[in-house]
Amino acid sequence: MSELFCSKVISEIIPSFRAIIANKLLDKGMTQKDVSKLLGITQPAISQYKSGLRGLITEKMIKNKAFMAYLDSIAEKVYKNKLDINLRTCEICKATRDFGVIREKDIKEFLCLLQIAGSN
């Protein structure tokens, strides 16, 4: 039986994504408490993102200029309180594939609900 790719996204990709967004918001001068409210997570989680203890940010993410530009736009929307990234999990997952952060061949053994829905 195949595993849903969503479980990998939630355990690995979303924390990395949140870490990058949290650090971008902190760089704008926001407090950890304010960032935690915007992202819907705890302040200690923000502290762990800031210190690199949570949300592995890979070189592949950082070196991907298109992906980082995408994250800049997401961070700006979150900063203006116009986007809840917790409601955008599938969009974030798709972006990681669209920008080549995760290659389709690396997830062949997983099932993706977006791909299943698109094939019907």
N, C-alpha and C. Protein backbone atom coordinates (compact mmCIF):
# COMPACT_ATOMS: atom_id res chain seq x y z
N MET A 1 0.84 -1.18 0.00
CA MET A 1 0.00 0.00 0.00
C MET A 1 0.88 1.24 0.00
N SER A 2 0.55 2.19 -0.84
CA SER A 2 1.33 3.42 -0.93
C SER A 2 0.97 4.39 0.18
N GLU A 3 1.95 5.19 0.56
CA GLU A 3 1.76 6.22 1.58
C GLU A 3 1.39 7.53 0.90
N LEU A 4 0.54 8.32 1.54
CA LEU A 4 0.19 9.63 1.00
C LEU A 4 1.38 10.56 1.12
N PHE A 5 1.66 11.28 0.08
CA PHE A 5 2.76 12.23 0.11
C PHE A 5 2.49 13.33 1.14
N CYS A 6 1.21 13.59 1.43
CA CYS A 6 0.85 14.62 2.41
C CYS A 6 1.55 14.40 3.75
N SER A 7 1.72 13.14 4.14
CA SER A 7 2.36 12.88 5.43
C SER A 7 3.81 13.34 5.41
N LYS A 8 4.49 13.16 4.29
CA LYS A 8 5.87 13.64 4.14
C LYS A 8 5.90 15.17 4.12
N VAL A 9 4.94 15.76 3.44
CA VAL A 9 4.85 17.22 3.37
C VAL A 9 4.68 17.80 4.76
N ILE A 10 3.77 17.24 5.52
CA ILE A 10 3.48 17.77 6.85
C ILE A 10 4.66 17.57 7.80
N SER A 11 5.35 16.46 7.69
CA SER A 11 6.45 16.19 8.63
C SER A 11 7.77 16.83 8.22
N GLU A 12 7.97 17.08 6.92
CA GLU A 12 9.27 17.57 6.46
C GLU A 12 9.23 18.91 5.74
N ILE A 13 8.30 19.07 4.81
CA ILE A 13 8.30 20.26 3.96
C ILE A 13 7.70 21.46 4.67
N ILE A 14 6.55 21.29 5.31
CA ILE A 14 5.91 22.42 5.98
C ILE A 14 6.81 23.00 7.07
N PRO A 15 7.47 22.19 7.91
CA PRO A 15 8.37 22.79 8.90
C PRO A 15 9.51 23.60 8.26
N SER A 16 10.05 23.12 7.15
CA SER A 16 11.10 23.87 6.45
C SER A 16 10.54 25.17 5.90
N PHE A 17 9.38 25.09 5.31
CA PHE A 17 8.71 26.26 4.76
C PHE A 17 8.42 27.27 5.86
N ARG A 18 7.88 26.79 6.98
CA ARG A 18 7.60 27.68 8.11
C ARG A 18 8.87 28.32 8.66
N ALA A 19 9.95 27.55 8.71
CA ALA A 19 11.22 28.09 9.21
C ALA A 19 11.69 29.25 8.35
N ILE A 20 11.62 29.09 7.05
CA ILE A 20 12.04 30.17 6.15
C ILE A 20 11.13 31.38 6.31
N ILE A 21 9.82 31.15 6.30
CA ILE A 21 8.86 32.25 6.45
C ILE A 21 9.04 32.94 7.80
N ALA A 22 9.18 32.15 8.87
CA ALA A 22 9.35 32.73 10.21
C ALA A 22 10.59 33.62 10.26
N ASN A 23 11.68 33.15 9.69
CA ASN A 23 12.91 33.94 9.70
C ASN A 23 12.77 35.21 8.87
N LYS A 24 12.04 35.13 7.76
CA LYS A 24 11.80 36.33 6.95
C LYS A 24 10.98 37.35 7.74
N LEU A 25 9.98 36.87 8.47
CA LEU A 25 9.15 37.77 9.27
C LEU A 25 9.93 38.36 10.44
N LEU A 26 10.78 37.56 11.06
CA LEU A 26 11.63 38.07 12.14
C LEU A 26 12.59 39.13 11.61
N ASP A 27 13.09 38.92 10.39
CA ASP A 27 13.98 39.90 9.77
C ASP A 27 13.28 41.23 9.51
N LYS A 28 11.96 41.19 9.41
CA LYS A 28 11.18 42.42 9.22
C LYS A 28 10.96 43.16 10.55
N GLY A 29 11.47 42.58 11.64
CA GLY A 29 11.36 43.21 12.95
C GLY A 29 10.19 42.73 13.80
N MET A 30 9.49 41.71 13.32
CA MET A 30 8.38 41.16 14.11
C MET A 30 8.93 40.38 15.30
N THR A 31 8.15 40.32 16.37
CA THR A 31 8.53 39.53 17.53
C THR A 31 8.19 38.06 17.27
N GLN A 32 8.83 37.19 18.02
CA GLN A 32 8.52 35.76 17.90
C GLN A 32 7.06 35.50 18.23
N LYS A 33 6.54 36.23 19.21
CA LYS A 33 5.13 36.06 19.59
C LYS A 33 4.20 36.44 18.44
N ASP A 34 4.49 37.56 17.77
CA ASP A 34 3.65 38.00 16.65
C ASP A 34 3.74 37.01 15.48
N VAL A 35 4.95 36.53 15.21
CA VAL A 35 5.13 35.55 14.13
C VAL A 35 4.37 34.27 14.46
N SER A 36 4.43 33.85 15.71
CA SER A 36 3.73 32.61 16.09
C SER A 36 2.23 32.75 15.89
N LYS A 37 1.69 33.93 16.19
CA LYS A 37 0.25 34.15 15.98
C LYS A 37 -0.10 34.11 14.49
N LEU A 38 0.73 34.75 13.66
CA LEU A 38 0.46 34.76 12.22
C LEU A 38 0.54 33.36 11.60
N LEU A 39 1.48 32.56 12.08
CA LEU A 39 1.66 31.22 11.52
C LEU A 39 0.81 30.16 12.21
N GLY A 40 0.17 30.54 13.32
CA GLY A 40 -0.68 29.59 14.02
C GLY A 40 0.07 28.49 14.74
N ILE A 41 1.27 28.83 15.23
CA ILE A 41 2.09 27.86 15.96
C ILE A 41 2.60 28.54 17.23
N THR A 42 3.28 27.79 18.06
CA THR A 42 3.72 28.34 19.35
C THR A 42 4.98 29.20 19.19
N GLN A 43 5.19 30.07 20.17
CA GLN A 43 6.40 30.90 20.19
C GLN A 43 7.65 30.04 20.34
N PRO A 44 7.63 28.97 21.17
CA PRO A 44 8.83 28.12 21.22
C PRO A 44 9.17 27.49 19.86
N ALA A 45 8.16 27.19 19.06
CA ALA A 45 8.43 26.67 17.71
C ALA A 45 9.19 27.71 16.89
N ILE A 46 8.78 28.97 17.00
CA ILE A 46 9.46 30.05 16.28
C ILE A 46 10.91 30.15 16.75
N SER A 47 11.12 30.04 18.05
CA SER A 47 12.47 30.08 18.60
C SER A 47 13.32 28.94 18.02
N GLN A 48 12.72 27.77 17.91
CA GLN A 48 13.45 26.62 17.34
C GLN A 48 13.72 26.81 15.85
N TYR A 49 12.79 27.42 15.12
CA TYR A 49 13.03 27.73 13.71
C TYR A 49 14.19 28.71 13.59
N LYS A 50 14.18 29.73 14.45
CA LYS A 50 15.23 30.75 14.41
C LYS A 50 16.60 30.15 14.70
N SER A 51 16.67 29.24 15.64
CA SER A 51 17.96 28.65 16.02
C SER A 51 18.36 27.47 15.15
N GLY A 52 17.50 27.05 14.23
CA GLY A 52 17.82 25.94 13.34
C GLY A 52 17.60 24.57 13.94
N LEU A 53 16.91 24.51 15.08
CA LEU A 53 16.64 23.22 15.72
C LEU A 53 15.43 22.52 15.12
N ARG A 54 14.67 23.23 14.32
CA ARG A 54 13.43 22.70 13.76
C ARG A 54 13.30 23.22 12.34
N GLY A 55 12.76 22.42 11.45
CA GLY A 55 12.53 22.85 10.09
C GLY A 55 13.81 22.90 9.28
N LEU A 56 14.29 21.75 8.87
CA LEU A 56 15.53 21.66 8.10
C LEU A 56 15.41 22.45 6.79
N ILE A 57 16.24 23.46 6.67
CA ILE A 57 16.29 24.26 5.45
C ILE A 57 17.47 23.74 4.65
N THR A 58 17.20 23.23 3.46
CA THR A 58 18.26 22.63 2.66
C THR A 58 18.90 23.66 1.73
N GLU A 59 20.11 23.35 1.32
CA GLU A 59 20.81 24.19 0.34
C GLU A 59 20.00 24.28 -0.95
N LYS A 60 19.34 23.17 -1.28
CA LYS A 60 18.54 23.14 -2.50
C LYS A 60 17.44 24.20 -2.46
N MET A 61 16.86 24.42 -1.29
CA MET A 61 15.84 25.45 -1.14
C MET A 61 16.45 26.84 -1.28
N ILE A 62 17.53 27.06 -0.56
CA ILE A 62 18.15 28.38 -0.52
C ILE A 62 18.70 28.79 -1.88
N LYS A 63 19.29 27.84 -2.59
CA LYS A 63 19.90 28.15 -3.89
C LYS A 63 18.89 28.28 -5.02
N ASN A 64 17.66 27.87 -4.77
CA ASN A 64 16.62 27.93 -5.79
C ASN A 64 15.99 29.33 -5.76
N LYS A 65 16.48 30.22 -6.63
CA LYS A 65 16.05 31.62 -6.61
C LYS A 65 14.56 31.79 -6.86
N ALA A 66 14.01 30.98 -7.74
CA ALA A 66 12.58 31.08 -8.05
C ALA A 66 11.75 30.68 -6.82
N PHE A 67 12.18 29.62 -6.15
CA PHE A 67 11.47 29.17 -4.95
C PHE A 67 11.58 30.22 -3.84
N MET A 68 12.77 30.79 -3.66
CA MET A 68 12.95 31.80 -2.62
C MET A 68 12.14 33.06 -2.95
N ALA A 69 12.01 33.41 -4.22
CA ALA A 69 11.17 34.55 -4.60
C ALA A 69 9.71 34.25 -4.27
N TYR A 70 9.30 33.01 -4.52
CA TYR A 70 7.95 32.57 -4.15
C TYR A 70 7.75 32.72 -2.64
N LEU A 71 8.74 32.29 -1.86
CA LEU A 71 8.64 32.40 -0.40
C LEU A 71 8.63 33.87 0.05
N ASP A 72 9.37 34.72 -0.65
CA ASP A 72 9.33 36.15 -0.33
C ASP A 72 7.92 36.70 -0.50
N SER A 73 7.25 36.29 -1.58
CA SER A 73 5.89 36.76 -1.82
C SER A 73 4.92 36.21 -0.78
N ILE A 74 5.12 34.96 -0.38
CA ILE A 74 4.28 34.36 0.66
C ILE A 74 4.51 35.08 1.98
N ALA A 75 5.78 35.32 2.33
CA ALA A 75 6.10 36.01 3.58
C ALA A 75 5.47 37.40 3.62
N GLU A 76 5.50 38.09 2.50
CA GLU A 76 4.91 39.43 2.44
C GLU A 76 3.40 39.38 2.68
N LYS A 77 2.74 38.39 2.10
CA LYS A 77 1.29 38.23 2.30
C LYS A 77 0.98 37.87 3.75
N VAL A 78 1.79 37.00 4.33
CA VAL A 78 1.60 36.63 5.74
C VAL A 78 1.83 37.86 6.61
N TYR A 79 2.88 38.62 6.30
CA TYR A 79 3.22 39.82 7.06
C TYR A 79 2.06 40.82 7.06
N LYS A 80 1.39 40.93 5.93
CA LYS A 80 0.25 41.85 5.81
C LYS A 80 -1.04 41.21 6.31
N ASN A 81 -0.91 40.01 6.88
CA ASN A 81 -2.04 39.27 7.44
C ASN A 81 -3.11 38.97 6.39
N LYS A 82 -2.65 38.68 5.17
CA LYS A 82 -3.57 38.39 4.08
C LYS A 82 -3.49 36.94 3.61
N LEU A 83 -2.76 36.12 4.35
CA LEU A 83 -2.61 34.73 3.94
C LEU A 83 -2.39 33.85 5.16
N ASP A 84 -3.12 32.76 5.22
CA ASP A 84 -2.93 31.75 6.26
C ASP A 84 -2.27 30.55 5.60
N ILE A 85 -0.96 30.37 5.84
CA ILE A 85 -0.26 29.28 5.15
C ILE A 85 -0.75 27.92 5.57
N ASN A 86 -1.40 27.82 6.72
CA ASN A 86 -1.92 26.53 7.16
C ASN A 86 -3.06 26.04 6.28
N LEU A 87 -3.69 26.95 5.55
CA LEU A 87 -4.76 26.57 4.62
C LEU A 87 -4.23 26.33 3.21
N ARG A 88 -2.92 26.42 3.04
CA ARG A 88 -2.30 26.33 1.72
C ARG A 88 -1.34 25.16 1.58
N THR A 89 -1.52 24.12 2.36
CA THR A 89 -0.59 22.99 2.36
C THR A 89 -0.41 22.40 0.97
N CYS A 90 -1.50 22.16 0.26
CA CYS A 90 -1.39 21.56 -1.08
C CYS A 90 -0.69 22.51 -2.05
N GLU A 91 -0.96 23.80 -1.93
CA GLU A 91 -0.31 24.80 -2.79
C GLU A 91 1.20 24.82 -2.53
N ILE A 92 1.59 24.76 -1.26
CA ILE A 92 3.00 24.75 -0.89
C ILE A 92 3.68 23.49 -1.43
N CYS A 93 3.03 22.37 -1.27
CA CYS A 93 3.55 21.10 -1.76
C CYS A 93 3.76 21.17 -3.27
N LYS A 94 2.76 21.68 -3.97
CA LYS A 94 2.86 21.81 -5.43
C LYS A 94 3.99 22.75 -5.81
N ALA A 95 4.16 23.83 -5.08
CA ALA A 95 5.23 24.78 -5.37
C ALA A 95 6.60 24.13 -5.23
N THR A 96 6.77 23.28 -4.23
CA THR A 96 8.07 22.62 -4.05
C THR A 96 8.39 21.73 -5.25
N ARG A 97 7.37 21.17 -5.86
CA ARG A 97 7.58 20.36 -7.06
C ARG A 97 7.74 21.24 -8.29
N ASP A 98 6.91 22.28 -8.41
CA ASP A 98 6.99 23.18 -9.56
C ASP A 98 8.36 23.87 -9.66
N PHE A 99 8.93 24.21 -8.51
CA PHE A 99 10.22 24.90 -8.49
C PHE A 99 11.41 23.94 -8.40
N GLY A 100 11.13 22.66 -8.42
CA GLY A 100 12.20 21.66 -8.44
C GLY A 100 12.88 21.42 -7.11
N VAL A 101 12.27 21.89 -6.01
CA VAL A 101 12.83 21.62 -4.70
C VAL A 101 12.68 20.13 -4.40
N ILE A 102 11.56 19.57 -4.80
CA ILE A 102 11.33 18.13 -4.71
C ILE A 102 11.02 17.67 -6.12
N ARG A 103 11.71 16.66 -6.56
CA ARG A 103 11.50 16.15 -7.91
C ARG A 103 10.44 15.06 -7.88
N GLU A 104 9.65 15.05 -8.94
CA GLU A 104 8.57 14.05 -9.06
C GLU A 104 9.13 12.63 -8.91
N LYS A 105 10.30 12.38 -9.49
CA LYS A 105 10.84 11.01 -9.41
C LYS A 105 11.18 10.61 -7.98
N ASP A 106 11.39 11.61 -7.11
CA ASP A 106 11.69 11.31 -5.71
C ASP A 106 10.46 10.92 -4.91
N ILE A 107 9.27 11.14 -5.49
CA ILE A 107 8.05 10.83 -4.74
C ILE A 107 7.18 9.79 -5.45
N LYS A 108 7.76 9.03 -6.35
CA LYS A 108 6.99 8.03 -7.10
C LYS A 108 6.26 7.04 -6.21
N GLU A 109 6.90 6.68 -5.10
CA GLU A 109 6.29 5.66 -4.24
C GLU A 109 5.17 6.20 -3.38
N PHE A 110 4.94 7.50 -3.45
CA PHE A 110 3.89 8.12 -2.66
C PHE A 110 2.67 8.44 -3.53
N LEU A 111 1.52 8.54 -2.89
CA LEU A 111 0.32 8.98 -3.57
C LEU A 111 0.10 10.46 -3.28
N CYS A 112 -0.24 11.22 -4.31
CA CYS A 112 -0.52 12.65 -4.13
C CYS A 112 -1.99 12.85 -4.48
N LEU A 113 -2.74 13.41 -3.54
CA LEU A 113 -4.17 13.61 -3.76
C LEU A 113 -4.43 14.59 -4.91
N LEU A 114 -3.57 15.57 -5.11
CA LEU A 114 -3.74 16.49 -6.24
C LEU A 114 -3.57 15.78 -7.57
N GLN A 115 -2.58 14.88 -7.63
CA GLN A 115 -2.37 14.14 -8.87
C GLN A 115 -3.52 13.17 -9.14
N ILE A 116 -4.03 12.55 -8.10
CA ILE A 116 -5.16 11.64 -8.26
C ILE A 116 -6.38 12.39 -8.74
N ALA A 117 -6.66 13.54 -8.12
CA ALA A 117 -7.83 14.35 -8.50
C ALA A 117 -7.68 14.86 -9.93
N GLY A 118 -6.45 15.22 -10.33
CA GLY A 118 -6.21 15.74 -11.67
C GLY A 118 -6.33 14.69 -12.75
N SER A 119 -6.21 13.43 -12.39
CA SER A 119 -6.26 12.37 -13.39
C SER A 119 -7.67 11.87 -13.65
N ASN A 120 -8.63 12.34 -12.84
CA ASN A 120 -10.03 11.91 -13.03
C ASN A 120 -10.74 12.77 -14.04
